[in-house]
Amino acid sequence: MTDFNAMTEALVACDAAKLTELVNAALAADVSADDILNKGLI
């Protein structure tokens, strides 16, 4: 399952490496970019 809360936390913490890892994992799991933006980063 995609951890959208972890994406938000990485964004707030300015942890680019962790955010990249989480986004890439979500994309690999066929999560849409819209869901990543709307649920994880906003």
PDB file of N, CA and C in Angstrom:
ATOM      1  N   MET A   1       0.837  -1.185   0.000  1.00  0.00           N
ATOM      2  CA  MET A   1       0.000   0.000   0.000  1.00  0.00           C
ATOM      3  C   MET A   1       0.878   1.242   0.000  1.00  0.00           C
ATOM      4  N   THR A   2       0.437   2.246  -0.688  1.00  0.00           N
ATOM      5  CA  THR A   2       1.188   3.494  -0.779  1.00  0.00           C
ATOM      6  C   THR A   2       0.985   4.314   0.487  1.00  0.00           C
ATOM      7  N   ASP A   3       2.086   4.780   1.057  1.00  0.00           N
ATOM      8  CA  ASP A   3       2.028   5.578   2.284  1.00  0.00           C
ATOM      9  C   ASP A   3       2.063   7.056   1.914  1.00  0.00           C
ATOM     10  N   PHE A   4       0.881   7.616   1.684  1.00  0.00           N
ATOM     11  CA  PHE A   4       0.810   9.019   1.292  1.00  0.00           C
ATOM     12  C   PHE A   4       1.247   9.939   2.430  1.00  0.00           C
ATOM     13  N   ASN A   5       1.029   9.539   3.677  1.00  0.00           N
ATOM     14  CA  ASN A   5       1.466  10.351   4.809  1.00  0.00           C
ATOM     15  C   ASN A   5       2.982  10.484   4.823  1.00  0.00           C
ATOM     16  N   ALA A   6       3.683   9.415   4.492  1.00  0.00           N
ATOM     17  CA  ALA A   6       5.143   9.466   4.459  1.00  0.00           C
ATOM     18  C   ALA A   6       5.620  10.425   3.376  1.00  0.00           C
ATOM     19  N   MET A   7       4.902  10.471   2.247  1.00  0.00           N
ATOM     20  CA  MET A   7       5.260  11.423   1.186  1.00  0.00           C
ATOM     21  C   MET A   7       5.130  12.851   1.690  1.00  0.00           C
ATOM     22  N   THR A   8       4.028  13.125   2.370  1.00  0.00           N
ATOM     23  CA  THR A   8       3.805  14.469   2.898  1.00  0.00           C
ATOM     24  C   THR A   8       4.883  14.824   3.916  1.00  0.00           C
ATOM     25  N   GLU A   9       5.215  13.887   4.789  1.00  0.00           N
ATOM     26  CA  GLU A   9       6.247  14.131   5.798  1.00  0.00           C
ATOM     27  C   GLU A   9       7.600  14.388   5.152  1.00  0.00           C
ATOM     28  N   ALA A  10       7.943  13.632   4.117  1.00  0.00           N
ATOM     29  CA  ALA A  10       9.218  13.831   3.427  1.00  0.00           C
ATOM     30  C   ALA A  10       9.249  15.187   2.737  1.00  0.00           C
ATOM     31  N   LEU A  11       8.121  15.603   2.180  1.00  0.00           N
ATOM     32  CA  LEU A  11       8.047  16.909   1.526  1.00  0.00           C
ATOM     33  C   LEU A  11       8.251  18.026   2.540  1.00  0.00           C
ATOM     34  N   VAL A  12       7.563  17.937   3.674  1.00  0.00           N
ATOM     35  CA  VAL A  12       7.676  18.960   4.714  1.00  0.00           C
ATOM     36  C   VAL A  12       9.095  19.008   5.272  1.00  0.00           C
ATOM     37  N   ALA A  13       9.725  17.849   5.383  1.00  0.00           N
ATOM     38  CA  ALA A  13      11.084  17.770   5.925  1.00  0.00           C
ATOM     39  C   ALA A  13      12.151  18.109   4.882  1.00  0.00           C
ATOM     40  N   CYS A  14      11.727  18.370   3.655  1.00  0.00           N
ATOM     41  CA  CYS A  14      12.654  18.655   2.551  1.00  0.00           C
ATOM     42  C   CYS A  14      13.640  17.506   2.341  1.00  0.00           C
ATOM     43  N   ASP A  15      13.153  16.284   2.513  1.00  0.00           N
ATOM     44  CA  ASP A  15      13.975  15.088   2.321  1.00  0.00           C
ATOM     45  C   ASP A  15      13.750  14.571   0.905  1.00  0.00           C
ATOM     46  N   ALA A  16      14.506  15.136  -0.028  1.00  0.00           N
ATOM     47  CA  ALA A  16      14.304  14.821  -1.447  1.00  0.00           C
ATOM     48  C   ALA A  16      14.573  13.354  -1.746  1.00  0.00           C
ATOM     49  N   ALA A  17      15.571  12.776  -1.117  1.00  0.00           N
ATOM     50  CA  ALA A  17      15.907  11.376  -1.383  1.00  0.00           C
ATOM     51  C   ALA A  17      14.761  10.457  -0.964  1.00  0.00           C
ATOM     52  N   LYS A  18      14.216  10.694   0.217  1.00  0.00           N
ATOM     53  CA  LYS A  18      13.105   9.864   0.708  1.00  0.00           C
ATOM     54  C   LYS A  18      11.864  10.083  -0.148  1.00  0.00           C
ATOM     55  N   LEU A  19      11.592  11.334  -0.503  1.00  0.00           N
ATOM     56  CA  LEU A  19      10.425  11.634  -1.325  1.00  0.00           C
ATOM     57  C   LEU A  19      10.540  10.968  -2.687  1.00  0.00           C
ATOM     58  N   THR A  20      11.718  11.031  -3.278  1.00  0.00           N
ATOM     59  CA  THR A  20      11.939  10.387  -4.576  1.00  0.00           C
ATOM     60  C   THR A  20      11.717   8.888  -4.474  1.00  0.00           C
ATOM     61  N   GLU A  21      12.236   8.286  -3.418  1.00  0.00           N
ATOM     62  CA  GLU A  21      12.066   6.842  -3.201  1.00  0.00           C
ATOM     63  C   GLU A  21      10.585   6.477  -3.090  1.00  0.00           C
ATOM     64  N   LEU A  22       9.838   7.248  -2.313  1.00  0.00           N
ATOM     65  CA  LEU A  22       8.417   6.964  -2.112  1.00  0.00           C
ATOM     66  C   LEU A  22       7.613   7.157  -3.392  1.00  0.00           C
ATOM     67  N   VAL A  23       7.897   8.234  -4.126  1.00  0.00           N
ATOM     68  CA  VAL A  23       7.172   8.502  -5.373  1.00  0.00           C
ATOM     69  C   VAL A  23       7.490   7.429  -6.406  1.00  0.00           C
ATOM     70  N   ASN A  24       8.753   7.061  -6.525  1.00  0.00           N
ATOM     71  CA  ASN A  24       9.122   6.016  -7.487  1.00  0.00           C
ATOM     72  C   ASN A  24       8.467   4.684  -7.138  1.00  0.00           C
ATOM     73  N   ALA A  25       8.401   4.360  -5.860  1.00  0.00           N
ATOM     74  CA  ALA A  25       7.750   3.120  -5.438  1.00  0.00           C
ATOM     75  C   ALA A  25       6.262   3.160  -5.764  1.00  0.00           C
ATOM     76  N   ALA A  26       5.641   4.308  -5.558  1.00  0.00           N
ATOM     77  CA  ALA A  26       4.216   4.436  -5.869  1.00  0.00           C
ATOM     78  C   ALA A  26       3.980   4.295  -7.365  1.00  0.00           C
ATOM     79  N   LEU A  27       4.816   4.928  -8.167  1.00  0.00           N
ATOM     80  CA  LEU A  27       4.669   4.818  -9.622  1.00  0.00           C
ATOM     81  C   LEU A  27       4.865   3.376 -10.074  1.00  0.00           C
ATOM     82  N   ALA A  28       5.816   2.685  -9.472  1.00  0.00           N
ATOM     83  CA  ALA A  28       6.064   1.286  -9.816  1.00  0.00           C
ATOM     84  C   ALA A  28       4.875   0.400  -9.439  1.00  0.00           C
ATOM     85  N   ALA A  29       4.116   0.833  -8.442  1.00  0.00           N
ATOM     86  CA  ALA A  29       2.940   0.081  -8.004  1.00  0.00           C
ATOM     87  C   ALA A  29       1.677   0.531  -8.748  1.00  0.00           C
ATOM     88  N   ASP A  30       1.870   1.249  -9.846  1.00  0.00           N
ATOM     89  CA  ASP A  30       0.767   1.719 -10.693  1.00  0.00           C
ATOM     90  C   ASP A  30      -0.167   2.707 -10.000  1.00  0.00           C
ATOM     91  N   VAL A  31       0.373   3.488  -9.064  1.00  0.00           N
ATOM     92  CA  VAL A  31      -0.400   4.584  -8.489  1.00  0.00           C
ATOM     93  C   VAL A  31      -0.290   5.745  -9.473  1.00  0.00           C
ATOM     94  N   SER A  32      -1.403   6.389  -9.768  1.00  0.00           N
ATOM     95  CA  SER A  32      -1.377   7.463 -10.763  1.00  0.00           C
ATOM     96  C   SER A  32      -0.671   8.698 -10.213  1.00  0.00           C
ATOM     97  N   ALA A  33      -0.092   9.468 -11.116  1.00  0.00           N
ATOM     98  CA  ALA A  33       0.565  10.714 -10.728  1.00  0.00           C
ATOM     99  C   ALA A  33      -0.436  11.658 -10.066  1.00  0.00           C
ATOM    100  N   ASP A  34      -1.678  11.653 -10.531  1.00  0.00           N
ATOM    101  CA  ASP A  34      -2.708  12.498  -9.919  1.00  0.00           C
ATOM    102  C   ASP A  34      -2.926  12.120  -8.457  1.00  0.00           C
ATOM    103  N   ASP A  35      -2.982  10.824  -8.174  1.00  0.00           N
ATOM    104  CA  ASP A  35      -3.158  10.388  -6.790  1.00  0.00           C
ATOM    105  C   ASP A  35      -1.957  10.776  -5.936  1.00  0.00           C
ATOM    106  N   ILE A  36      -0.762  10.644  -6.499  1.00  0.00           N
ATOM    107  CA  ILE A  36       0.443  11.022  -5.754  1.00  0.00           C
ATOM    108  C   ILE A  36       0.387  12.502  -5.402  1.00  0.00           C
ATOM    109  N   LEU A  37       0.042  13.329  -6.374  1.00  0.00           N
ATOM    110  CA  LEU A  37      -0.021  14.768  -6.123  1.00  0.00           C
ATOM    111  C   LEU A  37      -1.149  15.127  -5.163  1.00  0.00           C
ATOM    112  N   ASN A  38      -2.321  14.582  -5.391  1.00  0.00           N
ATOM    113  CA  ASN A  38      -3.492  14.974  -4.604  1.00  0.00           C
ATOM    114  C   ASN A  38      -3.538  14.360  -3.217  1.00  0.00           C
ATOM    115  N   LYS A  39      -3.053  13.141  -3.070  1.00  0.00           N
ATOM    116  CA  LYS A  39      -3.129  12.461  -1.772  1.00  0.00           C
ATOM    117  C   LYS A  39      -1.823  12.551  -0.990  1.00  0.00           C
ATOM    118  N   GLY A  40      -0.705  12.590  -1.707  1.00  0.00           N
ATOM    119  CA  GLY A  40       0.575  12.522  -1.021  1.00  0.00           C
ATOM    120  C   GLY A  40       1.274  13.841  -0.823  1.00  0.00           C
ATOM    121  N   LEU A  41       1.097  14.761  -1.772  1.00  0.00           N
ATOM    122  CA  LEU A  41       1.915  15.962  -1.717  1.00  0.00           C
ATOM    123  C   LEU A  41       1.136  17.225  -1.399  1.00  0.00           C
ATOM    124  N   ILE A  42      -0.171  17.106  -1.305  1.00  0.00           N
ATOM    125  CA  ILE A  42      -0.974  18.300  -1.008  1.00  0.00           C
ATOM    126  C   ILE A  42      -1.750  18.051   0.276  1.00  0.00           C
TER     127      ILE A  42
END
